[in-house]
Amino acid sequence: MSGTKFLFNMKLTIAIPTYNRPDKVLNTVKTLLSLINDETCILVLDNCSDVVIKDYIYENVDVPNTGQLRVQRNFINLGADGNFMRCFEYCKTPYIWILADDGIVEPEAIERIFLELENNAGDDVVGFNFGSNYTSRTETTVAVGMGDFLSKIDNFENFLFLSTSVYKCDEYIKNIRYGYWGAYTMASQNIPCLVGLSNGKKLIISKYKIVINILDDRTEKWPDAQQALGLSALLEAPLNLTGLEYEKFGKFLFASIETFPRILCDIILGVKFNVDKIDDYHIYLYKKIYKTSFQFRRNKPKQYLAYKACYLLLVCKPLLKLVLKSEAIRKSVLTSSKFNIFVR
């Protein structure tokens, strides 16, 4: 049977967006080829890497002739979120699992996915959120609508984690324009799913774990400033939330955001300790983080005082220079965040 004919029997695409990490994506492809069944195919989206990923994979993997592995290269770098959305453009199956190129896949992951697909095949399903090392679910639940989702989701960080969700393509792409709209949010792949939920669709919250998240080798977490600026935009998505639901959604988004001193450290690192380079751009972003996230933060009086103290340092450069003369403080700034968004 030819590869083209074989593809008509496919049910699930495992799409792997990647950029300049040939060894990581190669290892992931090798793992998946040993796990996939006859109804599953692999799609690698090369975001115009310096190394042509297709050549690299084909040189190092015995590629099957069934059509179960495709590598698509973008002509230009679309950015990470643009590449996530591109996965749907090239998907030819009813369901898609977008997997990080360094994802550690559970050996039974595909079997578990297919079990949930068979048990929840209704037209009103927009997607599935599976477990990871973030979760300890004992049963599968069904969320209908945003209010029900906000009540039943056990770990919002797991929901935001790229590799834990499988989407029903025909329902997801009805709202894919909102994914492109939300490319700034760091959670663009979640937005069409959330819009579908707000329109009464179902999300299956599965008890099964399919992937393990690993900390990126550059940092222990995304920088606080990037999270606060990006995730806050999700509050502008058309999700038809009531007042209480909006408040709950905001608290989910900002649950892991640290205090304002950490954001001040991001700014200092962004200018490489050259305080004179701190300008209206940095102050504007700092104030925007405060305005968009403060109402959802815990311990508001303490957060407010921290915000005002750090703001004083930003606008009073001689005072900030004096503070940074302390080696202990400089060391604290250096260890607070390994990379940032304030570099221009």
C-alpha atoms as a PDB file:
ATOM      1  CA  MET A   1       0.000   0.000   0.000  1.00  0.00           C
ATOM      2  CA  SER A   2       1.411   3.407  -0.906  1.00  0.00           C
ATOM      3  CA  GLY A   3       2.087   6.098   1.657  1.00  0.00           C
ATOM      4  CA  THR A   4      -0.620   8.352   0.172  1.00  0.00           C
ATOM      5  CA  LYS A   5      -3.337   5.726   0.482  1.00  0.00           C
ATOM      6  CA  PHE A   6      -2.111   4.835   3.942  1.00  0.00           C
ATOM      7  CA  LEU A   7      -2.642   8.407   5.133  1.00  0.00           C
ATOM      8  CA  PHE A   8      -6.383   8.148   4.518  1.00  0.00           C
ATOM      9  CA  ASN A   9      -6.556   5.752   7.466  1.00  0.00           C
ATOM     10  CA  MET A  10      -4.821   8.140   9.833  1.00  0.00           C
ATOM     11  CA  LYS A  11      -6.664   9.516  12.846  1.00  0.00           C
ATOM     12  CA  LEU A  12      -4.022  11.394  14.835  1.00  0.00           C
ATOM     13  CA  THR A  13      -1.169  13.703  13.820  1.00  0.00           C
ATOM     14  CA  ILE A  14       1.645  14.294  16.284  1.00  0.00           C
ATOM     15  CA  ALA A  15       2.907  17.723  15.238  1.00  0.00           C
ATOM     16  CA  ILE A  16       6.338  18.811  16.504  1.00  0.00           C
ATOM     17  CA  PRO A  17       7.195  22.499  16.010  1.00  0.00           C
ATOM     18  CA  THR A  18      10.949  23.071  16.249  1.00  0.00           C
ATOM     19  CA  TYR A  19      13.645  25.655  15.689  1.00  0.00           C
ATOM     20  CA  ASN A  20      17.426  25.200  15.879  1.00  0.00           C
ATOM     21  CA  ARG A  21      17.280  22.124  18.119  1.00  0.00           C
ATOM     22  CA  PRO A  22      18.074  19.303  15.678  1.00  0.00           C
ATOM     23  CA  ASP A  23      19.288  16.821  18.273  1.00  0.00           C
ATOM     24  CA  LYS A  24      16.259  17.281  20.499  1.00  0.00           C
ATOM     25  CA  VAL A  25      13.721  16.862  17.702  1.00  0.00           C
ATOM     26  CA  LEU A  26      15.667  13.907  16.315  1.00  0.00           C
ATOM     27  CA  ASN A  27      15.482  12.113  19.665  1.00  0.00           C
ATOM     28  CA  THR A  28      11.760  12.831  19.930  1.00  0.00           C
ATOM     29  CA  VAL A  29      11.097  11.514  16.411  1.00  0.00           C
ATOM     30  CA  LYS A  30      13.064   8.346  17.131  1.00  0.00           C
ATOM     31  CA  THR A  31      11.022   7.744  20.280  1.00  0.00           C
ATOM     32  CA  LEU A  32       7.710   8.320  18.511  1.00  0.00           C
ATOM     33  CA  LEU A  33       8.545   6.035  15.583  1.00  0.00           C
ATOM     34  CA  SER A  34       8.899   3.202  18.055  1.00  0.00           C
ATOM     35  CA  LEU A  35       5.510   3.975  19.639  1.00  0.00           C
ATOM     36  CA  ILE A  36       3.080   4.984  16.868  1.00  0.00           C
ATOM     37  CA  ASN A  37       0.309   2.747  15.585  1.00  0.00           C
ATOM     38  CA  ASP A  38      -1.146   2.453  12.073  1.00  0.00           C
ATOM     39  CA  GLU A  39      -3.533   5.374  12.669  1.00  0.00           C
ATOM     40  CA  THR A  40      -0.879   7.874  13.759  1.00  0.00           C
ATOM     41  CA  CYS A  41       1.525  10.034  11.775  1.00  0.00           C
ATOM     42  CA  ILE A  42       4.299  12.459  12.718  1.00  0.00           C
ATOM     43  CA  LEU A  43       4.604  15.975  11.321  1.00  0.00           C
ATOM     44  CA  VAL A  44       7.717  18.056  12.067  1.00  0.00           C
ATOM     45  CA  LEU A  45       7.405  21.820  11.496  1.00  0.00           C
ATOM     46  CA  ASP A  46      10.889  23.268  10.938  1.00  0.00           C
ATOM     47  CA  ASN A  47      10.679  27.009  11.609  1.00  0.00           C
ATOM     48  CA  CYS A  48      13.498  27.821   9.150  1.00  0.00           C
ATOM     49  CA  SER A  49      16.266  26.448  11.356  1.00  0.00           C
ATOM     50  CA  ASP A  50      19.923  27.082  10.518  1.00  0.00           C
ATOM     51  CA  VAL A  51      20.203  23.324   9.969  1.00  0.00           C
ATOM     52  CA  VAL A  52      17.675  21.872   7.517  1.00  0.00           C
ATOM     53  CA  ILE A  53      15.825  19.601   9.921  1.00  0.00           C
ATOM     54  CA  LYS A  54      14.425  17.316   7.224  1.00  0.00           C
ATOM     55  CA  ASP A  55      17.913  16.470   5.961  1.00  0.00           C
ATOM     56  CA  TYR A  56      19.185  15.988   9.497  1.00  0.00           C
ATOM     57  CA  ILE A  57      16.374  13.604  10.431  1.00  0.00           C
ATOM     58  CA  TYR A  58      16.531  11.611   7.207  1.00  0.00           C
ATOM     59  CA  GLU A  59      20.281  11.203   7.591  1.00  0.00           C
ATOM     60  CA  ASN A  60      19.904   9.775  11.088  1.00  0.00           C
ATOM     61  CA  VAL A  61      16.616   7.858  11.018  1.00  0.00           C
ATOM     62  CA  ASP A  62      15.416   4.877   9.017  1.00  0.00           C
ATOM     63  CA  VAL A  63      12.289   6.627   7.708  1.00  0.00           C
ATOM     64  CA  PRO A  64       9.301   4.343   7.000  1.00  0.00           C
ATOM     65  CA  ASN A  65       7.797   4.446   3.493  1.00  0.00           C
ATOM     66  CA  THR A  66       4.237   4.481   4.848  1.00  0.00           C
ATOM     67  CA  GLY A  67       3.916   8.283   4.849  1.00  0.00           C
ATOM     68  CA  GLN A  68       3.862   8.317   8.640  1.00  0.00           C
ATOM     69  CA  LEU A  69       6.662  10.893   8.888  1.00  0.00           C
ATOM     70  CA  ARG A  70       6.597  14.282   7.184  1.00  0.00           C
ATOM     71  CA  VAL A  71       8.915  17.252   7.701  1.00  0.00           C
ATOM     72  CA  GLN A  72       7.717  20.670   6.570  1.00  0.00           C
ATOM     73  CA  ARG A  73      10.084  23.654   6.488  1.00  0.00           C
ATOM     74  CA  ASN A  74       8.856  27.252   6.724  1.00  0.00           C
ATOM     75  CA  PHE A  75      10.404  29.707   4.288  1.00  0.00           C
ATOM     76  CA  ILE A  76      10.879  32.199   7.132  1.00  0.00           C
ATOM     77  CA  ASN A  77      10.880  32.053  10.913  1.00  0.00           C
ATOM     78  CA  LEU A  78       7.271  32.686  11.930  1.00  0.00           C
ATOM     79  CA  GLY A  79       7.996  32.803  15.636  1.00  0.00           C
ATOM     80  CA  ALA A  80       7.125  29.995  18.027  1.00  0.00           C
ATOM     81  CA  ASP A  81       3.406  30.774  18.193  1.00  0.00           C
ATOM     82  CA  GLY A  82       3.129  31.198  14.430  1.00  0.00           C
ATOM     83  CA  ASN A  83       4.673  27.774  14.023  1.00  0.00           C
ATOM     84  CA  PHE A  84       2.177  26.302  16.494  1.00  0.00           C
ATOM     85  CA  MET A  85      -0.718  27.558  14.368  1.00  0.00           C
ATOM     86  CA  ARG A  86       0.990  26.321  11.190  1.00  0.00           C
ATOM     87  CA  CYS A  87       0.705  22.778  12.530  1.00  0.00           C
ATOM     88  CA  PHE A  88      -3.034  22.884  11.850  1.00  0.00           C
ATOM     89  CA  GLU A  89      -2.508  24.056   8.280  1.00  0.00           C
ATOM     90  CA  TYR A  90      -0.581  20.887   7.411  1.00  0.00           C
ATOM     91  CA  CYS A  91      -2.583  18.471   9.550  1.00  0.00           C
ATOM     92  CA  LYS A  92      -4.605  15.972   7.466  1.00  0.00           C
ATOM     93  CA  THR A  93      -6.159  13.963  10.305  1.00  0.00           C
ATOM     94  CA  PRO A  94      -9.206  14.526  12.534  1.00  0.00           C
ATOM     95  CA  TYR A  95      -7.090  15.023  15.656  1.00  0.00           C
ATOM     96  CA  ILE A  96      -3.759  16.702  16.398  1.00  0.00           C
ATOM     97  CA  TRP A  97      -1.357  16.485  19.309  1.00  0.00           C
ATOM     98  CA  ILE A  98       1.180  19.324  19.343  1.00  0.00           C
ATOM     99  CA  LEU A  99       4.280  18.033  21.093  1.00  0.00           C
ATOM    100  CA  ALA A 100       7.322  20.022  22.199  1.00  0.00           C
ATOM    101  CA  ASP A 101      10.494  18.976  20.403  1.00  0.00           C
ATOM    102  CA  ASP A 102      12.064  17.965  23.729  1.00  0.00           C
ATOM    103  CA  GLY A 103       8.960  16.296  25.125  1.00  0.00           C
ATOM    104  CA  ILE A 104       9.447  13.132  27.158  1.00  0.00           C
ATOM    105  CA  VAL A 105       6.619  10.908  25.980  1.00  0.00           C
ATOM    106  CA  GLU A 106       5.078   8.281  28.243  1.00  0.00           C
ATOM    107  CA  PRO A 107       5.434   4.793  26.668  1.00  0.00           C
ATOM    108  CA  GLU A 108       1.650   4.291  26.746  1.00  0.00           C
ATOM    109  CA  ALA A 109       0.834   7.837  25.602  1.00  0.00           C
ATOM    110  CA  ILE A 110      -0.613   7.000  22.184  1.00  0.00           C
ATOM    111  CA  GLU A 111      -2.637   4.089  23.540  1.00  0.00           C
ATOM    112  CA  ARG A 112      -4.063   6.417  26.215  1.00  0.00           C
ATOM    113  CA  ILE A 113      -4.917   9.111  23.672  1.00  0.00           C
ATOM    114  CA  PHE A 114      -6.783   6.669  21.452  1.00  0.00           C
ATOM    115  CA  LEU A 115      -8.691   5.309  24.430  1.00  0.00           C
ATOM    116  CA  GLU A 116     -10.013   8.804  25.210  1.00  0.00           C
ATOM    117  CA  LEU A 117     -10.738   9.498  21.537  1.00  0.00           C
ATOM    118  CA  GLU A 118     -12.876   6.373  21.357  1.00  0.00           C
ATOM    119  CA  ASN A 119     -14.692   7.152  24.614  1.00  0.00           C
ATOM    120  CA  ASN A 120     -15.402  10.789  23.720  1.00  0.00           C
ATOM    121  CA  ALA A 121     -16.047  10.998  19.990  1.00  0.00           C
ATOM    122  CA  GLY A 122     -18.943  13.485  20.021  1.00  0.00           C
ATOM    123  CA  ASP A 123     -19.177  16.436  17.661  1.00  0.00           C
ATOM    124  CA  ASP A 124     -19.365  18.817  20.622  1.00  0.00           C
ATOM    125  CA  VAL A 125     -15.808  18.037  21.810  1.00  0.00           C
ATOM    126  CA  VAL A 126     -13.143  20.671  21.051  1.00  0.00           C
ATOM    127  CA  GLY A 127     -10.222  18.913  22.685  1.00  0.00           C
ATOM    128  CA  PHE A 128      -8.595  16.849  25.409  1.00  0.00           C
ATOM    129  CA  ASN A 129      -6.269  17.933  28.206  1.00  0.00           C
ATOM    130  CA  PHE A 130      -4.126  15.044  29.390  1.00  0.00           C
ATOM    131  CA  GLY A 131      -2.045  14.786  32.521  1.00  0.00           C
ATOM    132  CA  SER A 132       1.684  15.218  33.026  1.00  0.00           C
ATOM    133  CA  ASN A 133       4.068  15.332  35.967  1.00  0.00           C
ATOM    134  CA  TYR A 134       2.067  18.421  37.023  1.00  0.00           C
ATOM    135  CA  THR A 135      -1.059  16.365  37.756  1.00  0.00           C
ATOM    136  CA  SER A 136      -2.309  13.482  39.881  1.00  0.00           C
ATOM    137  CA  ARG A 137      -5.782  12.902  38.479  1.00  0.00           C
ATOM    138  CA  THR A 138      -7.756   9.832  39.484  1.00  0.00           C
ATOM    139  CA  GLU A 139     -10.621  10.139  37.011  1.00  0.00           C
ATOM    140  CA  THR A 140     -11.525  11.679  33.679  1.00  0.00           C
ATOM    141  CA  THR A 141     -13.966  14.595  33.815  1.00  0.00           C
ATOM    142  CA  VAL A 142     -15.843  16.548  31.156  1.00  0.00           C
ATOM    143  CA  ALA A 143     -16.013  20.352  31.195  1.00  0.00           C
ATOM    144  CA  VAL A 144     -18.831  22.014  29.243  1.00  0.00           C
ATOM    145  CA  GLY A 145     -18.376  25.745  28.803  1.00  0.00           C
ATOM    146  CA  MET A 146     -15.868  28.114  30.406  1.00  0.00           C
ATOM    147  CA  GLY A 147     -17.544  28.237  33.795  1.00  0.00           C
ATOM    148  CA  ASP A 148     -17.479  24.467  34.123  1.00  0.00           C
ATOM    149  CA  PHE A 149     -13.877  24.385  32.869  1.00  0.00           C
ATOM    150  CA  LEU A 150     -12.719  26.918  35.479  1.00  0.00           C
ATOM    151  CA  SER A 151     -14.406  24.837  38.182  1.00  0.00           C
ATOM    152  CA  LYS A 152     -12.990  21.494  37.080  1.00  0.00           C
ATOM    153  CA  ILE A 153      -9.463  22.176  35.797  1.00  0.00           C
ATOM    154  CA  ASP A 154      -7.112  20.929  38.496  1.00  0.00           C
ATOM    155  CA  ASN A 155      -3.872  22.502  37.301  1.00  0.00           C
ATOM    156  CA  PHE A 156      -3.955  25.476  34.969  1.00  0.00           C
ATOM    157  CA  GLU A 157      -0.205  25.316  34.380  1.00  0.00           C
ATOM    158  CA  ASN A 158      -0.696  21.816  33.011  1.00  0.00           C
ATOM    159  CA  PHE A 159      -3.369  23.166  30.649  1.00  0.00           C
ATOM    160  CA  LEU A 160      -0.956  25.860  29.406  1.00  0.00           C
ATOM    161  CA  PHE A 161       1.811  23.277  28.903  1.00  0.00           C
ATOM    162  CA  LEU A 162       1.996  22.821  25.110  1.00  0.00           C
ATOM    163  CA  SER A 163       2.351  19.029  25.062  1.00  0.00           C
ATOM    164  CA  THR A 164      -0.643  18.005  27.181  1.00  0.00           C
ATOM    165  CA  SER A 165      -3.480  18.786  24.768  1.00  0.00           C
ATOM    166  CA  VAL A 166      -5.005  16.970  21.807  1.00  0.00           C
ATOM    167  CA  TYR A 167      -7.444  18.982  19.673  1.00  0.00           C
ATOM    168  CA  LYS A 168     -10.307  18.009  17.409  1.00  0.00           C
ATOM    169  CA  CYS A 169      -9.263  19.853  14.265  1.00  0.00           C
ATOM    170  CA  ASP A 170     -12.615  20.696  12.670  1.00  0.00           C
ATOM    171  CA  GLU A 171     -13.845  22.338  15.890  1.00  0.00           C
ATOM    172  CA  TYR A 172     -10.534  23.989  16.752  1.00  0.00           C
ATOM    173  CA  ILE A 173      -9.970  25.665  13.395  1.00  0.00           C
ATOM    174  CA  LYS A 174     -13.359  27.399  13.578  1.00  0.00           C
ATOM    175  CA  ASN A 175     -11.648  29.765  16.025  1.00  0.00           C
ATOM    176  CA  ILE A 176      -8.033  29.504  14.883  1.00  0.00           C
ATOM    177  CA  ARG A 177      -7.928  33.207  14.007  1.00  0.00           C
ATOM    178  CA  TYR A 178      -7.897  33.896  17.742  1.00  0.00           C
ATOM    179  CA  GLY A 179      -4.757  31.781  18.019  1.00  0.00           C
ATOM    180  CA  TYR A 180      -3.003  34.135  15.613  1.00  0.00           C
ATOM    181  CA  TRP A 181      -4.489  37.101  17.486  1.00  0.00           C
ATOM    182  CA  GLY A 182      -3.010  35.747  20.713  1.00  0.00           C
ATOM    183  CA  ALA A 183       0.525  35.066  19.490  1.00  0.00           C
ATOM    184  CA  TYR A 184       1.769  37.511  22.135  1.00  0.00           C
ATOM    185  CA  THR A 185       0.207  35.647  25.045  1.00  0.00           C
ATOM    186  CA  MET A 186       2.592  32.674  25.348  1.00  0.00           C
ATOM    187  CA  ALA A 187      -0.546  30.511  25.189  1.00  0.00           C
ATOM    188  CA  SER A 188      -1.790  31.005  21.629  1.00  0.00           C
ATOM    189  CA  GLN A 189      -2.500  27.303  21.129  1.00  0.00           C
ATOM    190  CA  ASN A 190      -4.965  27.363  24.031  1.00  0.00           C
ATOM    191  CA  ILE A 191      -7.062  30.293  22.840  1.00  0.00           C
ATOM    192  CA  PRO A 192      -9.147  28.614  20.073  1.00  0.00           C
ATOM    193  CA  CYS A 193      -9.902  25.838  22.553  1.00  0.00           C
ATOM    194  CA  LEU A 194     -11.019  28.371  25.195  1.00  0.00           C
ATOM    195  CA  VAL A 195     -13.178  30.201  22.648  1.00  0.00           C
ATOM    196  CA  GLY A 196     -14.754  26.858  21.723  1.00  0.00           C
ATOM    197  CA  LEU A 197     -15.484  26.239  25.397  1.00  0.00           C
ATOM    198  CA  SER A 198     -17.059  29.680  25.726  1.00  0.00           C
ATOM    199  CA  ASN A 199     -19.399  28.637  22.889  1.00  0.00           C
ATOM    200  CA  GLY A 200     -20.553  25.582  24.817  1.00  0.00           C
ATOM    201  CA  LYS A 201     -18.136  22.938  23.517  1.00  0.00           C
ATOM    202  CA  LYS A 202     -16.630  20.208  25.692  1.00  0.00           C
ATOM    203  CA  LEU A 203     -13.074  19.709  26.926  1.00  0.00           C
ATOM    204  CA  ILE A 204     -12.182  16.251  28.180  1.00  0.00           C
ATOM    205  CA  ILE A 205      -9.894  16.500  31.232  1.00  0.00           C
ATOM    206  CA  SER A 206      -8.228  13.105  31.107  1.00  0.00           C
ATOM    207  CA  LYS A 207      -6.816  11.192  34.023  1.00  0.00           C
ATOM    208  CA  TYR A 208      -4.112   9.721  31.783  1.00  0.00           C
ATOM    209  CA  LYS A 209      -0.589  11.120  31.701  1.00  0.00           C
ATOM    210  CA  ILE A 210       1.031  11.305  28.283  1.00  0.00           C
ATOM    211  CA  VAL A 211       4.128  13.476  28.722  1.00  0.00           C
ATOM    212  CA  ILE A 212       6.669  14.674  31.256  1.00  0.00           C
ATOM    213  CA  ASN A 213       7.683  18.314  31.335  1.00  0.00           C
ATOM    214  CA  ILE A 214      11.353  19.115  31.800  1.00  0.00           C
ATOM    215  CA  LEU A 215      12.829  22.431  32.842  1.00  0.00           C
ATOM    216  CA  ASP A 216      14.430  24.302  29.981  1.00  0.00           C
ATOM    217  CA  ASP A 217      18.217  24.254  30.199  1.00  0.00           C
ATOM    218  CA  ARG A 218      18.345  28.081  29.983  1.00  0.00           C
ATOM    219  CA  THR A 219      16.230  28.876  33.016  1.00  0.00           C
ATOM    220  CA  GLU A 220      14.056  27.323  35.667  1.00  0.00           C
ATOM    221  CA  LYS A 221      10.982  29.209  34.490  1.00  0.00           C
ATOM    222  CA  TRP A 222       9.729  31.760  32.019  1.00  0.00           C
ATOM    223  CA  PRO A 223      10.628  35.256  33.246  1.00  0.00           C
ATOM    224  CA  ASP A 224       7.989  36.906  35.379  1.00  0.00           C
ATOM    225  CA  ALA A 225       7.789  40.005  33.182  1.00  0.00           C
ATOM    226  CA  GLN A 226       7.120  37.975  30.040  1.00  0.00           C
ATOM    227  CA  GLN A 227       4.446  35.931  31.775  1.00  0.00           C
ATOM    228  CA  ALA A 228       2.710  38.969  33.238  1.00  0.00           C
ATOM    229  CA  LEU A 229       2.715  40.902  29.966  1.00  0.00           C
ATOM    230  CA  GLY A 230       1.773  37.947  27.776  1.00  0.00           C
ATOM    231  CA  LEU A 231      -0.806  36.114  29.844  1.00  0.00           C
ATOM    232  CA  SER A 232      -2.629  39.319  30.711  1.00  0.00           C
ATOM    233  CA  ALA A 233      -3.689  39.586  27.052  1.00  0.00           C
ATOM    234  CA  LEU A 234      -5.716  36.383  27.465  1.00  0.00           C
ATOM    235  CA  LEU A 235      -8.116  38.449  29.552  1.00  0.00           C
ATOM    236  CA  GLU A 236      -9.033  40.307  26.345  1.00  0.00           C
ATOM    237  CA  ALA A 237     -10.008  37.150  24.431  1.00  0.00           C
ATOM    238  CA  PRO A 238     -13.744  36.836  23.593  1.00  0.00           C
ATOM    239  CA  LEU A 239     -14.574  34.205  26.199  1.00  0.00           C
ATOM    240  CA  ASN A 240     -18.004  35.436  27.375  1.00  0.00           C
ATOM    241  CA  LEU A 241     -17.016  35.292  31.046  1.00  0.00           C
ATOM    242  CA  THR A 242     -19.200  36.467  33.900  1.00  0.00           C
ATOM    243  CA  GLY A 243     -17.677  38.750  36.529  1.00  0.00           C
ATOM    244  CA  LEU A 244     -16.863  35.901  38.914  1.00  0.00           C
ATOM    245  CA  GLU A 245     -15.512  33.730  36.094  1.00  0.00           C
ATOM    246  CA  TYR A 246     -13.322  36.604  34.886  1.00  0.00           C
ATOM    247  CA  GLU A 247     -11.892  37.009  38.379  1.00  0.00           C
ATOM    248  CA  LYS A 248     -11.222  33.283  38.675  1.00  0.00           C
ATOM    249  CA  PHE A 249      -9.646  33.135  35.218  1.00  0.00           C
ATOM    250  CA  GLY A 250      -7.337  36.035  36.091  1.00  0.00           C
ATOM    251  CA  LYS A 251      -6.242  34.348  39.319  1.00  0.00           C
ATOM    252  CA  PHE A 252      -5.420  31.189  37.363  1.00  0.00           C
ATOM    253  CA  LEU A 253      -3.304  33.195  34.928  1.00  0.00           C
ATOM    254  CA  PHE A 254      -1.304  35.036  37.565  1.00  0.00           C
ATOM    255  CA  ALA A 255      -1.034  32.311  40.199  1.00  0.00           C
ATOM    256  CA  SER A 256       2.653  31.702  39.459  1.00  0.00           C
ATOM    257  CA  ILE A 257       3.729  35.308  38.870  1.00  0.00           C
ATOM    258  CA  GLU A 258       6.305  36.453  41.404  1.00  0.00           C
ATOM    259  CA  THR A 259       6.595  39.804  43.166  1.00  0.00           C
ATOM    260  CA  PHE A 260       7.566  43.081  41.526  1.00  0.00           C
ATOM    261  CA  PRO A 261      11.232  42.986  42.635  1.00  0.00           C
ATOM    262  CA  ARG A 262      11.726  40.057  40.271  1.00  0.00           C
ATOM    263  CA  ILE A 263      10.414  42.183  37.384  1.00  0.00           C
ATOM    264  CA  LEU A 264      12.772  45.004  38.372  1.00  0.00           C
ATOM    265  CA  CYS A 265      15.602  42.464  38.131  1.00  0.00           C
ATOM    266  CA  ASP A 266      14.485  41.584  34.584  1.00  0.00           C
ATOM    267  CA  ILE A 267      14.770  45.236  33.614  1.00  0.00           C
ATOM    268  CA  ILE A 268      18.222  45.586  35.166  1.00  0.00           C
ATOM    269  CA  LEU A 269      19.408  42.504  33.318  1.00  0.00           C
ATOM    270  CA  GLY A 270      17.847  43.811  30.121  1.00  0.00           C
ATOM    271  CA  VAL A 271      20.059  46.896  30.219  1.00  0.00           C
ATOM    272  CA  LYS A 272      23.034  44.829  31.439  1.00  0.00           C
ATOM    273  CA  PHE A 273      23.317  46.839  34.662  1.00  0.00           C
ATOM    274  CA  ASN A 274      23.722  50.088  32.699  1.00  0.00           C
ATOM    275  CA  VAL A 275      21.120  52.028  34.662  1.00  0.00           C
ATOM    276  CA  ASP A 276      21.364  55.040  32.364  1.00  0.00           C
ATOM    277  CA  LYS A 277      19.693  52.959  29.614  1.00  0.00           C
ATOM    278  CA  ILE A 278      16.487  52.600  31.632  1.00  0.00           C
ATOM    279  CA  ASP A 279      13.992  54.821  29.843  1.00  0.00           C
ATOM    280  CA  ASP A 280      10.266  55.425  29.342  1.00  0.00           C
ATOM    281  CA  TYR A 281       9.929  52.080  27.529  1.00  0.00           C
ATOM    282  CA  HIS A 282      10.962  50.121  30.616  1.00  0.00           C
ATOM    283  CA  ILE A 283       8.851  52.249  32.944  1.00  0.00           C
ATOM    284  CA  TYR A 284       5.807  51.893  30.689  1.00  0.00           C
ATOM    285  CA  LEU A 285       6.056  48.086  30.632  1.00  0.00           C
ATOM    286  CA  TYR A 286       6.614  47.979  34.383  1.00  0.00           C
ATOM    287  CA  LYS A 287       3.481  50.064  35.001  1.00  0.00           C
ATOM    288  CA  LYS A 288       1.501  47.970  32.498  1.00  0.00           C
ATOM    289  CA  ILE A 289       2.415  44.798  34.384  1.00  0.00           C
ATOM    290  CA  TYR A 290       1.139  46.425  37.559  1.00  0.00           C
ATOM    291  CA  LYS A 291      -2.144  47.535  36.016  1.00  0.00           C
ATOM    292  CA  THR A 292      -2.929  44.239  34.302  1.00  0.00           C
ATOM    293  CA  SER A 293      -1.937  41.841  37.050  1.00  0.00           C
ATOM    294  CA  PHE A 294      -2.357  43.615  40.372  1.00  0.00           C
ATOM    295  CA  GLN A 295      -6.057  42.877  40.877  1.00  0.00           C
ATOM    296  CA  PHE A 296      -5.362  39.136  40.633  1.00  0.00           C
ATOM    297  CA  ARG A 297      -2.300  39.020  42.889  1.00  0.00           C
ATOM    298  CA  ARG A 298      -2.301  37.722  46.420  1.00  0.00           C
ATOM    299  CA  ASN A 299      -1.372  39.849  49.455  1.00  0.00           C
ATOM    300  CA  LYS A 300      -2.206  43.098  47.673  1.00  0.00           C
ATOM    301  CA  PRO A 301      -0.870  45.532  50.334  1.00  0.00           C
ATOM    302  CA  LYS A 302       2.552  43.879  50.280  1.00  0.00           C
ATOM    303  CA  GLN A 303       2.536  43.724  46.477  1.00  0.00           C
ATOM    304  CA  TYR A 304       1.595  47.401  46.251  1.00  0.00           C
ATOM    305  CA  LEU A 305       4.446  48.457  48.546  1.00  0.00           C
ATOM    306  CA  ALA A 306       6.902  46.332  46.545  1.00  0.00           C
ATOM    307  CA  TYR A 307       5.640  47.882  43.315  1.00  0.00           C
ATOM    308  CA  LYS A 308       6.047  51.440  44.641  1.00  0.00           C
ATOM    309  CA  ALA A 309       9.520  50.758  46.055  1.00  0.00           C
ATOM    310  CA  CYS A 310      10.750  49.275  42.771  1.00  0.00           C
ATOM    311  CA  TYR A 311       9.126  52.079  40.796  1.00  0.00           C
ATOM    312  CA  LEU A 312      11.034  54.599  42.916  1.00  0.00           C
ATOM    313  CA  LEU A 313      14.294  52.855  42.028  1.00  0.00           C
ATOM    314  CA  LEU A 314      13.416  52.891  38.317  1.00  0.00           C
ATOM    315  CA  VAL A 315      12.756  56.627  38.201  1.00  0.00           C
ATOM    316  CA  CYS A 316      15.536  57.602  40.618  1.00  0.00           C
ATOM    317  CA  LYS A 317      18.631  56.333  38.818  1.00  0.00           C
ATOM    318  CA  PRO A 318      21.215  57.668  41.317  1.00  0.00           C
ATOM    319  CA  LEU A 319      19.481  55.698  44.066  1.00  0.00           C
ATOM    320  CA  LEU A 320      19.385  52.535  41.921  1.00  0.00           C
ATOM    321  CA  LYS A 321      23.088  52.922  41.100  1.00  0.00           C
ATOM    322  CA  LEU A 322      23.839  53.198  44.800  1.00  0.00           C
ATOM    323  CA  VAL A 323      21.833  50.060  45.569  1.00  0.00           C
ATOM    324  CA  LEU A 324      23.575  48.113  42.808  1.00  0.00           C
ATOM    325  CA  LYS A 325      26.988  48.851  44.280  1.00  0.00           C
ATOM    326  CA  SER A 326      26.298  46.055  46.732  1.00  0.00           C
ATOM    327  CA  GLU A 327      27.828  42.807  45.470  1.00  0.00           C
ATOM    328  CA  ALA A 328      25.180  40.825  47.302  1.00  0.00           C
ATOM    329  CA  ILE A 329      22.381  42.676  45.478  1.00  0.00           C
ATOM    330  CA  ARG A 330      24.104  42.347  42.111  1.00  0.00           C
ATOM    331  CA  LYS A 331      24.444  38.623  42.691  1.00  0.00           C
ATOM    332  CA  SER A 332      20.761  38.428  43.634  1.00  0.00           C
ATOM    333  CA  VAL A 333      19.796  40.207  40.405  1.00  0.00           C
ATOM    334  CA  LEU A 334      21.938  37.853  38.331  1.00  0.00           C
ATOM    335  CA  THR A 335      20.404  34.740  39.857  1.00  0.00           C
ATOM    336  CA  SER A 336      16.803  35.961  39.763  1.00  0.00           C
ATOM    337  CA  SER A 337      16.320  35.390  36.028  1.00  0.00           C
ATOM    338  CA  LYS A 338      18.524  33.910  33.311  1.00  0.00           C
ATOM    339  CA  PHE A 339      16.949  35.699  30.337  1.00  0.00           C
ATOM    340  CA  ASN A 340      14.448  38.496  29.837  1.00  0.00           C
ATOM    341  CA  ILE A 341      12.318  40.491  27.423  1.00  0.00           C
ATOM    342  CA  PHE A 342      13.714  43.948  28.107  1.00  0.00           C
ATOM    343  CA  VAL A 343      16.657  43.713  25.696  1.00  0.00           C
ATOM    344  CA  ARG A 344      16.403  46.031  22.685  1.00  0.00           C
END
